[in-house]
Each structure stands twice: as C-alpha cells, then as structure tokens.
Amino acid sequence: MEKRDEELVIRILAEPGNDELRKLMGEHRAYETRLDEFNKRVYLSDQEQVERKRIQKLKLAGRDRIEQILAAHREKEALP
C-alpha cells in the first residue's frame, strides 16, 4: 500500500462509523499472515494448495473493496 493510501486509511479509521474498513483491514492482515505461512513451506498438499488459492481470492476481493472505500473518500475530500 502506498504511503498516501496508508495515511488515508489512518484518517478514515480515526473517524467514527468506519467498521467495514476496520474489519476489512483486519481480514487483510490475517490473510497476509496465513499466506506467508503457506509461502514459507516447500511443499503443500492438494488441500493446502486449494486453501492457499481460496485465501488469495478472499484477500484480493477485500483489497478491491478497500480500494473502493478509499476512492470514495478521496472523491469526497476533493469536493469543494
């Protein structure tokens, strides 16, 4: 995440009523941790490979939603 995005996330999370972003950021970190665990292993079973792919998709979907929220806030801040 770019520094500009990180600063925007911090500002948004400081405001009340941003539970969705808070939840998404927590899930994103959890997915990242889980993927790191898989990536450290030399061999993954078929089931683990499927789980890794599932987590990657969930992480990407969450990231897309985070980007939508950030874009909406950027647009709102740009309005006079």
PDB file of N, CA and C in Angstrom:
ATOM      1  N   MET A   1       0.851  -1.176   0.000  1.00  0.00           N
ATOM      2  CA  MET A   1       0.000   0.000   0.000  1.00  0.00           C
ATOM      3  C   MET A   1       0.893   1.234   0.000  1.00  0.00           C
ATOM      4  N   GLU A   2       0.527   2.182  -0.801  1.00  0.00           N
ATOM      5  CA  GLU A   2       1.302   3.410  -0.892  1.00  0.00           C
ATOM      6  C   GLU A   2       1.154   4.243   0.373  1.00  0.00           C
ATOM      7  N   LYS A   3       2.158   5.073   0.636  1.00  0.00           N
ATOM      8  CA  LYS A   3       2.145   5.921   1.831  1.00  0.00           C
ATOM      9  C   LYS A   3       0.908   6.813   1.857  1.00  0.00           C
ATOM     10  N   ARG A   4       0.526   7.337   0.693  1.00  0.00           N
ATOM     11  CA  ARG A   4      -0.656   8.204   0.603  1.00  0.00           C
ATOM     12  C   ARG A   4      -1.911   7.432   1.031  1.00  0.00           C
ATOM     13  N   ASP A   5      -2.003   6.159   0.596  1.00  0.00           N
ATOM     14  CA  ASP A   5      -3.140   5.322   0.965  1.00  0.00           C
ATOM     15  C   ASP A   5      -3.117   4.994   2.454  1.00  0.00           C
ATOM     16  N   GLU A   6      -1.931   4.714   2.976  1.00  0.00           N
ATOM     17  CA  GLU A   6      -1.807   4.405   4.398  1.00  0.00           C
ATOM     18  C   GLU A   6      -2.276   5.582   5.253  1.00  0.00           C
ATOM     19  N   GLU A   7      -1.885   6.783   4.853  1.00  0.00           N
ATOM     20  CA  GLU A   7      -2.303   7.979   5.592  1.00  0.00           C
ATOM     21  C   GLU A   7      -3.816   8.159   5.517  1.00  0.00           C
ATOM     22  N   LEU A   8      -4.407   7.885   4.359  1.00  0.00           N
ATOM     23  CA  LEU A   8      -5.855   7.998   4.206  1.00  0.00           C
ATOM     24  C   LEU A   8      -6.563   6.962   5.068  1.00  0.00           C
ATOM     25  N   VAL A   9      -6.054   5.756   5.100  1.00  0.00           N
ATOM     26  CA  VAL A   9      -6.651   4.712   5.943  1.00  0.00           C
ATOM     27  C   VAL A   9      -6.623   5.133   7.396  1.00  0.00           C
ATOM     28  N   ILE A  10      -5.511   5.669   7.846  1.00  0.00           N
ATOM     29  CA  ILE A  10      -5.390   6.117   9.246  1.00  0.00           C
ATOM     30  C   ILE A  10      -6.424   7.197   9.543  1.00  0.00           C
ATOM     31  N   ARG A  11      -6.576   8.152   8.614  1.00  0.00           N
ATOM     32  CA  ARG A  11      -7.568   9.226   8.812  1.00  0.00           C
ATOM     33  C   ARG A  11      -8.990   8.661   8.849  1.00  0.00           C
ATOM     34  N   ILE A  12      -9.287   7.750   7.947  1.00  0.00           N
ATOM     35  CA  ILE A  12     -10.633   7.181   7.887  1.00  0.00           C
ATOM     36  C   ILE A  12     -10.924   6.379   9.149  1.00  0.00           C
ATOM     37  N   LEU A  13      -9.966   5.594   9.594  1.00  0.00           N
ATOM     38  CA  LEU A  13     -10.186   4.770  10.783  1.00  0.00           C
ATOM     39  C   LEU A  13     -10.338   5.614  12.047  1.00  0.00           C
ATOM     40  N   ALA A  14      -9.798   6.821  12.033  1.00  0.00           N
ATOM     41  CA  ALA A  14      -9.932   7.713  13.182  1.00  0.00           C
ATOM     42  C   ALA A  14     -11.343   8.283  13.287  1.00  0.00           C
ATOM     43  N   GLU A  15     -12.071   8.273  12.178  1.00  0.00           N
ATOM     44  CA  GLU A  15     -13.436   8.781  12.175  1.00  0.00           C
ATOM     45  C   GLU A  15     -14.382   7.699  12.707  1.00  0.00           C
ATOM     46  N   PRO A  16     -15.450   8.105  13.367  1.00  0.00           N
ATOM     47  CA  PRO A  16     -16.416   7.108  13.848  1.00  0.00           C
ATOM     48  C   PRO A  16     -17.209   6.511  12.677  1.00  0.00           C
ATOM     49  N   GLY A  17     -17.653   5.275  12.845  1.00  0.00           N
ATOM     50  CA  GLY A  17     -18.529   4.656  11.869  1.00  0.00           C
ATOM     51  C   GLY A  17     -17.835   4.035  10.675  1.00  0.00           C
ATOM     52  N   ASN A  18     -16.601   3.641  10.823  1.00  0.00           N
ATOM     53  CA  ASN A  18     -15.883   3.015   9.713  1.00  0.00           C
ATOM     54  C   ASN A  18     -15.565   1.560  10.025  1.00  0.00           C
ATOM     55  N   ASP A  19     -16.581   0.865  10.508  1.00  0.00           N
ATOM     56  CA  ASP A  19     -16.400  -0.523  10.916  1.00  0.00           C
ATOM     57  C   ASP A  19     -16.052  -1.437   9.745  1.00  0.00           C
ATOM     58  N   GLU A  20     -16.613  -1.163   8.567  1.00  0.00           N
ATOM     59  CA  GLU A  20     -16.330  -2.015   7.418  1.00  0.00           C
ATOM     60  C   GLU A  20     -14.850  -1.966   7.057  1.00  0.00           C
ATOM     61  N   LEU A  21     -14.286  -0.773   7.000  1.00  0.00           N
ATOM     62  CA  LEU A  21     -12.865  -0.646   6.667  1.00  0.00           C
ATOM     63  C   LEU A  21     -12.011  -1.300   7.744  1.00  0.00           C
ATOM     64  N   ARG A  22     -12.357  -1.099   8.990  1.00  0.00           N
ATOM     65  CA  ARG A  22     -11.609  -1.702  10.096  1.00  0.00           C
ATOM     66  C   ARG A  22     -11.624  -3.228   9.965  1.00  0.00           C
ATOM     67  N   LYS A  23     -12.798  -3.787   9.670  1.00  0.00           N
ATOM     68  CA  LYS A  23     -12.947  -5.233   9.509  1.00  0.00           C
ATOM     69  C   LYS A  23     -12.130  -5.724   8.317  1.00  0.00           C
ATOM     70  N   LEU A  24     -12.232  -5.016   7.203  1.00  0.00           N
ATOM     71  CA  LEU A  24     -11.505  -5.411   6.001  1.00  0.00           C
ATOM     72  C   LEU A  24      -9.992  -5.373   6.214  1.00  0.00           C
ATOM     73  N   MET A  25      -9.511  -4.356   6.905  1.00  0.00           N
ATOM     74  CA  MET A  25      -8.069  -4.249   7.164  1.00  0.00           C
ATOM     75  C   MET A  25      -7.604  -5.403   8.057  1.00  0.00           C
ATOM     76  N   GLY A  26      -8.392  -5.752   9.062  1.00  0.00           N
ATOM     77  CA  GLY A  26      -8.049  -6.883   9.929  1.00  0.00           C
ATOM     78  C   GLY A  26      -8.016  -8.193   9.160  1.00  0.00           C
ATOM     79  N   GLU A  27      -9.013  -8.404   8.308  1.00  0.00           N
ATOM     80  CA  GLU A  27      -9.051  -9.611   7.489  1.00  0.00           C
ATOM     81  C   GLU A  27      -7.849  -9.646   6.539  1.00  0.00           C
ATOM     82  N   HIS A  28      -7.527  -8.502   5.958  1.00  0.00           N
ATOM     83  CA  HIS A  28      -6.408  -8.426   5.019  1.00  0.00           C
ATOM     84  C   HIS A  28      -5.109  -8.847   5.704  1.00  0.00           C
ATOM     85  N   ARG A  29      -4.894  -8.350   6.908  1.00  0.00           N
ATOM     86  CA  ARG A  29      -3.688  -8.719   7.662  1.00  0.00           C
ATOM     87  C   ARG A  29      -3.681 -10.218   7.991  1.00  0.00           C
ATOM     88  N   ALA A  30      -4.844 -10.747   8.369  1.00  0.00           N
ATOM     89  CA  ALA A  30      -4.934 -12.171   8.699  1.00  0.00           C
ATOM     90  C   ALA A  30      -4.654 -13.035   7.463  1.00  0.00           C
ATOM     91  N   TYR A  31      -5.202 -12.648   6.322  1.00  0.00           N
ATOM     92  CA  TYR A  31      -4.941 -13.384   5.085  1.00  0.00           C
ATOM     93  C   TYR A  31      -3.462 -13.319   4.727  1.00  0.00           C
ATOM     94  N   GLU A  32      -2.872 -12.159   4.894  1.00  0.00           N
ATOM     95  CA  GLU A  32      -1.448 -11.979   4.596  1.00  0.00           C
ATOM     96  C   GLU A  32      -0.598 -12.912   5.461  1.00  0.00           C
ATOM     97  N   THR A  33      -0.924 -12.986   6.738  1.00  0.00           N
ATOM     98  CA  THR A  33      -0.189 -13.859   7.655  1.00  0.00           C
ATOM     99  C   THR A  33      -0.321 -15.313   7.242  1.00  0.00           C
ATOM    100  N   ARG A  34      -1.535 -15.713   6.921  1.00  0.00           N
ATOM    101  CA  ARG A  34      -1.783 -17.105   6.521  1.00  0.00           C
ATOM    102  C   ARG A  34      -1.047 -17.442   5.216  1.00  0.00           C
ATOM    103  N   LEU A  35      -1.083 -16.520   4.259  1.00  0.00           N
ATOM    104  CA  LEU A  35      -0.372 -16.753   3.004  1.00  0.00           C
ATOM    105  C   LEU A  35       1.135 -16.831   3.224  1.00  0.00           C
ATOM    106  N   ASP A  36       1.661 -16.013   4.128  1.00  0.00           N
ATOM    107  CA  ASP A  36       3.091 -16.073   4.448  1.00  0.00           C
ATOM    108  C   ASP A  36       3.461 -17.452   4.989  1.00  0.00           C
ATOM    109  N   GLU A  37       2.566 -18.019   5.810  1.00  0.00           N
ATOM    110  CA  GLU A  37       2.808 -19.359   6.350  1.00  0.00           C
ATOM    111  C   GLU A  37       2.876 -20.383   5.218  1.00  0.00           C
ATOM    112  N   PHE A  38       1.936 -20.298   4.288  1.00  0.00           N
ATOM    113  CA  PHE A  38       1.945 -21.217   3.153  1.00  0.00           C
ATOM    114  C   PHE A  38       3.192 -21.012   2.294  1.00  0.00           C
ATOM    115  N   ASN A  39       3.574 -19.769   2.056  1.00  0.00           N
ATOM    116  CA  ASN A  39       4.699 -19.465   1.178  1.00  0.00           C
ATOM    117  C   ASN A  39       6.044 -19.896   1.759  1.00  0.00           C
ATOM    118  N   LYS A  40       6.129 -20.056   3.056  1.00  0.00           N
ATOM    119  CA  LYS A  40       7.373 -20.491   3.688  1.00  0.00           C
ATOM    120  C   LYS A  40       7.599 -21.998   3.542  1.00  0.00           C
ATOM    121  N   ARG A  41       6.533 -22.695   3.215  1.00  0.00           N
ATOM    122  CA  ARG A  41       6.636 -24.149   3.119  1.00  0.00           C
ATOM    123  C   ARG A  41       7.112 -24.565   1.738  1.00  0.00           C
ATOM    124  N   VAL A  42       7.911 -25.623   1.714  1.00  0.00           N
ATOM    125  CA  VAL A  42       8.445 -26.137   0.462  1.00  0.00           C
ATOM    126  C   VAL A  42       7.378 -26.923  -0.292  1.00  0.00           C
ATOM    127  N   TYR A  43       6.559 -27.645   0.437  1.00  0.00           N
ATOM    128  CA  TYR A  43       5.553 -28.493  -0.184  1.00  0.00           C
ATOM    129  C   TYR A  43       4.187 -28.212   0.425  1.00  0.00           C
ATOM    130  N   LEU A  44       3.173 -28.142  -0.428  1.00  0.00           N
ATOM    131  CA  LEU A  44       1.792 -28.006   0.028  1.00  0.00           C
ATOM    132  C   LEU A  44       0.990 -29.177  -0.514  1.00  0.00           C
ATOM    133  N   SER A  45       0.158 -29.740   0.349  1.00  0.00           N
ATOM    134  CA  SER A  45      -0.730 -30.804  -0.111  1.00  0.00           C
ATOM    135  C   SER A  45      -1.749 -30.204  -1.077  1.00  0.00           C
ATOM    136  N   ASP A  46      -2.472 -31.056  -1.756  1.00  0.00           N
ATOM    137  CA  ASP A  46      -3.507 -30.569  -2.673  1.00  0.00           C
ATOM    138  C   ASP A  46      -4.525 -29.709  -1.935  1.00  0.00           C
ATOM    139  N   GLN A  47      -4.920 -30.152  -0.758  1.00  0.00           N
ATOM    140  CA  GLN A  47      -5.886 -29.398   0.042  1.00  0.00           C
ATOM    141  C   GLN A  47      -5.315 -28.044   0.458  1.00  0.00           C
ATOM    142  N   GLU A  48      -4.053 -28.011   0.828  1.00  0.00           N
ATOM    143  CA  GLU A  48      -3.408 -26.751   1.210  1.00  0.00           C
ATOM    144  C   GLU A  48      -3.282 -25.810   0.015  1.00  0.00           C
ATOM    145  N   GLN A  49      -3.025 -26.354  -1.160  1.00  0.00           N
ATOM    146  CA  GLN A  49      -2.953 -25.522  -2.361  1.00  0.00           C
ATOM    147  C   GLN A  49      -4.301 -24.886  -2.662  1.00  0.00           C
ATOM    148  N   VAL A  50      -5.365 -25.658  -2.494  1.00  0.00           N
ATOM    149  CA  VAL A  50      -6.717 -25.134  -2.704  1.00  0.00           C
ATOM    150  C   VAL A  50      -7.012 -24.040  -1.678  1.00  0.00           C
ATOM    151  N   GLU A  51      -6.642 -24.283  -0.426  1.00  0.00           N
ATOM    152  CA  GLU A  51      -6.865 -23.288   0.627  1.00  0.00           C
ATOM    153  C   GLU A  51      -6.062 -22.020   0.370  1.00  0.00           C
ATOM    154  N   ARG A  52      -4.831 -22.180  -0.077  1.00  0.00           N
ATOM    155  CA  ARG A  52      -3.993 -21.021  -0.398  1.00  0.00           C
ATOM    156  C   ARG A  52      -4.635 -20.175  -1.504  1.00  0.00           C
ATOM    157  N   LYS A  53      -5.127 -20.829  -2.529  1.00  0.00           N
ATOM    158  CA  LYS A  53      -5.777 -20.129  -3.637  1.00  0.00           C
ATOM    159  C   LYS A  53      -7.051 -19.432  -3.155  1.00  0.00           C
ATOM    160  N   ARG A  54      -7.810 -20.094  -2.273  1.00  0.00           N
ATOM    161  CA  ARG A  54      -9.034 -19.501  -1.720  1.00  0.00           C
ATOM    162  C   ARG A  54      -8.709 -18.230  -0.926  1.00  0.00           C
ATOM    163  N   ILE A  55      -7.672 -18.300  -0.112  1.00  0.00           N
ATOM    164  CA  ILE A  55      -7.261 -17.147   0.689  1.00  0.00           C
ATOM    165  C   ILE A  55      -6.791 -16.015  -0.212  1.00  0.00           C
ATOM    166  N   GLN A  56      -6.064 -16.345  -1.271  1.00  0.00           N
ATOM    167  CA  GLN A  56      -5.610 -15.315  -2.209  1.00  0.00           C
ATOM    168  C   GLN A  56      -6.804 -14.582  -2.825  1.00  0.00           C
ATOM    169  N   LYS A  57      -7.836 -15.328  -3.186  1.00  0.00           N
ATOM    170  CA  LYS A  57      -9.033 -14.722  -3.772  1.00  0.00           C
ATOM    171  C   LYS A  57      -9.762 -13.842  -2.766  1.00  0.00           C
ATOM    172  N   LEU A  58      -9.877 -14.321  -1.529  1.00  0.00           N
ATOM    173  CA  LEU A  58     -10.523 -13.525  -0.486  1.00  0.00           C
ATOM    174  C   LEU A  58      -9.743 -12.245  -0.210  1.00  0.00           C
ATOM    175  N   LYS A  59      -8.424 -12.372  -0.173  1.00  0.00           N
ATOM    176  CA  LYS A  59      -7.577 -11.204   0.072  1.00  0.00           C
ATOM    177  C   LYS A  59      -7.730 -10.182  -1.051  1.00  0.00           C
ATOM    178  N   LEU A  60      -7.764 -10.655  -2.289  1.00  0.00           N
ATOM    179  CA  LEU A  60      -7.918  -9.764  -3.432  1.00  0.00           C
ATOM    180  C   LEU A  60      -9.291  -9.084  -3.416  1.00  0.00           C
ATOM    181  N   ALA A  61     -10.329  -9.833  -3.112  1.00  0.00           N
ATOM    182  CA  ALA A  61     -11.674  -9.247  -3.046  1.00  0.00           C
ATOM    183  C   ALA A  61     -11.740  -8.184  -1.949  1.00  0.00           C
ATOM    184  N   GLY A  62     -11.124  -8.466  -0.809  1.00  0.00           N
ATOM    185  CA  GLY A  62     -11.089  -7.489   0.276  1.00  0.00           C
ATOM    186  C   GLY A  62     -10.300  -6.253  -0.115  1.00  0.00           C
ATOM    187  N   ARG A  63      -9.198  -6.462  -0.788  1.00  0.00           N
ATOM    188  CA  ARG A  63      -8.370  -5.335  -1.244  1.00  0.00           C
ATOM    189  C   ARG A  63      -9.134  -4.459  -2.236  1.00  0.00           C
ATOM    190  N   ASP A  64      -9.901  -5.100  -3.112  1.00  0.00           N
ATOM    191  CA  ASP A  64     -10.723  -4.342  -4.057  1.00  0.00           C
ATOM    192  C   ASP A  64     -11.739  -3.477  -3.320  1.00  0.00           C
ATOM    193  N   ARG A  65     -12.359  -4.035  -2.293  1.00  0.00           N
ATOM    194  CA  ARG A  65     -13.342  -3.271  -1.519  1.00  0.00           C
ATOM    195  C   ARG A  65     -12.666  -2.136  -0.760  1.00  0.00           C
ATOM    196  N   ILE A  66     -11.488  -2.381  -0.210  1.00  0.00           N
ATOM    197  CA  ILE A  66     -10.731  -1.329   0.473  1.00  0.00           C
ATOM    198  C   ILE A  66     -10.450  -0.196  -0.509  1.00  0.00           C
ATOM    199  N   GLU A  67     -10.033  -0.537  -1.704  1.00  0.00           N
ATOM    200  CA  GLU A  67      -9.746   0.482  -2.719  1.00  0.00           C
ATOM    201  C   GLU A  67     -11.004   1.279  -3.069  1.00  0.00           C
ATOM    202  N   GLN A  68     -12.161   0.623  -3.117  1.00  0.00           N
ATOM    203  CA  GLN A  68     -13.415   1.333  -3.382  1.00  0.00           C
ATOM    204  C   GLN A  68     -13.707   2.347  -2.274  1.00  0.00           C
ATOM    205  N   ILE A  69     -13.503   1.940  -1.039  1.00  0.00           N
ATOM    206  CA  ILE A  69     -13.746   2.828   0.097  1.00  0.00           C
ATOM    207  C   ILE A  69     -12.790   4.021   0.039  1.00  0.00           C
ATOM    208  N   LEU A  70     -11.518   3.755  -0.245  1.00  0.00           N
ATOM    209  CA  LEU A  70     -10.533   4.836  -0.325  1.00  0.00           C
ATOM    210  C   LEU A  70     -10.867   5.793  -1.466  1.00  0.00           C
ATOM    211  N   ALA A  71     -11.271   5.247  -2.606  1.00  0.00           N
ATOM    212  CA  ALA A  71     -11.624   6.092  -3.750  1.00  0.00           C
ATOM    213  C   ALA A  71     -12.816   6.983  -3.417  1.00  0.00           C
ATOM    214  N   ALA A  72     -13.795   6.443  -2.717  1.00  0.00           N
ATOM    215  CA  ALA A  72     -14.971   7.232  -2.324  1.00  0.00           C
ATOM    216  C   ALA A  72     -14.566   8.361  -1.388  1.00  0.00           C
ATOM    217  N   HIS A  73     -13.639   8.082  -0.466  1.00  0.00           N
ATOM    218  CA  HIS A  73     -13.185   9.134   0.453  1.00  0.00           C
ATOM    219  C   HIS A  73     -12.347  10.187  -0.279  1.00  0.00           C
ATOM    220  N   ARG A  74     -11.528   9.746  -1.218  1.00  0.00           N
ATOM    221  CA  ARG A  74     -10.741  10.709  -1.992  1.00  0.00           C
ATOM    222  C   ARG A  74     -11.676  11.628  -2.778  1.00  0.00           C
ATOM    223  N   GLU A  75     -12.702  11.053  -3.364  1.00  0.00           N
ATOM    224  CA  GLU A  75     -13.670  11.841  -4.132  1.00  0.00           C
ATOM    225  C   GLU A  75     -14.413  12.828  -3.225  1.00  0.00           C
ATOM    226  N   LYS A  76     -14.788  12.359  -2.039  1.00  0.00           N
ATOM    227  CA  LYS A  76     -15.485  13.216  -1.086  1.00  0.00           C
ATOM    228  C   LYS A  76     -14.585  14.373  -0.626  1.00  0.00           C
ATOM    229  N   GLU A  77     -13.296  14.083  -0.416  1.00  0.00           N
ATOM    230  CA  GLU A  77     -12.359  15.121   0.012  1.00  0.00           C
ATOM    231  C   GLU A  77     -12.081  16.125  -1.100  1.00  0.00           C
ATOM    232  N   ALA A  78     -12.191  15.699  -2.336  1.00  0.00           N
ATOM    233  CA  ALA A  78     -11.914  16.583  -3.471  1.00  0.00           C
ATOM    234  C   ALA A  78     -13.041  17.567  -3.745  1.00  0.00           C
ATOM    235  N   LEU A  79     -14.232  17.262  -3.255  1.00  0.00           N
ATOM    236  CA  LEU A  79     -15.362  18.169  -3.469  1.00  0.00           C
ATOM    237  C   LEU A  79     -15.163  19.472  -2.691  1.00  0.00           C
ATOM    238  N   PRO A  80     -15.516  20.613  -3.300  1.00  0.00           N
ATOM    239  CA  PRO A  80     -15.326  21.895  -2.614  1.00  0.00           C
ATOM    240  C   PRO A  80     -16.309  22.095  -1.479  1.00  0.00           C
TER     241      PRO A  80
END
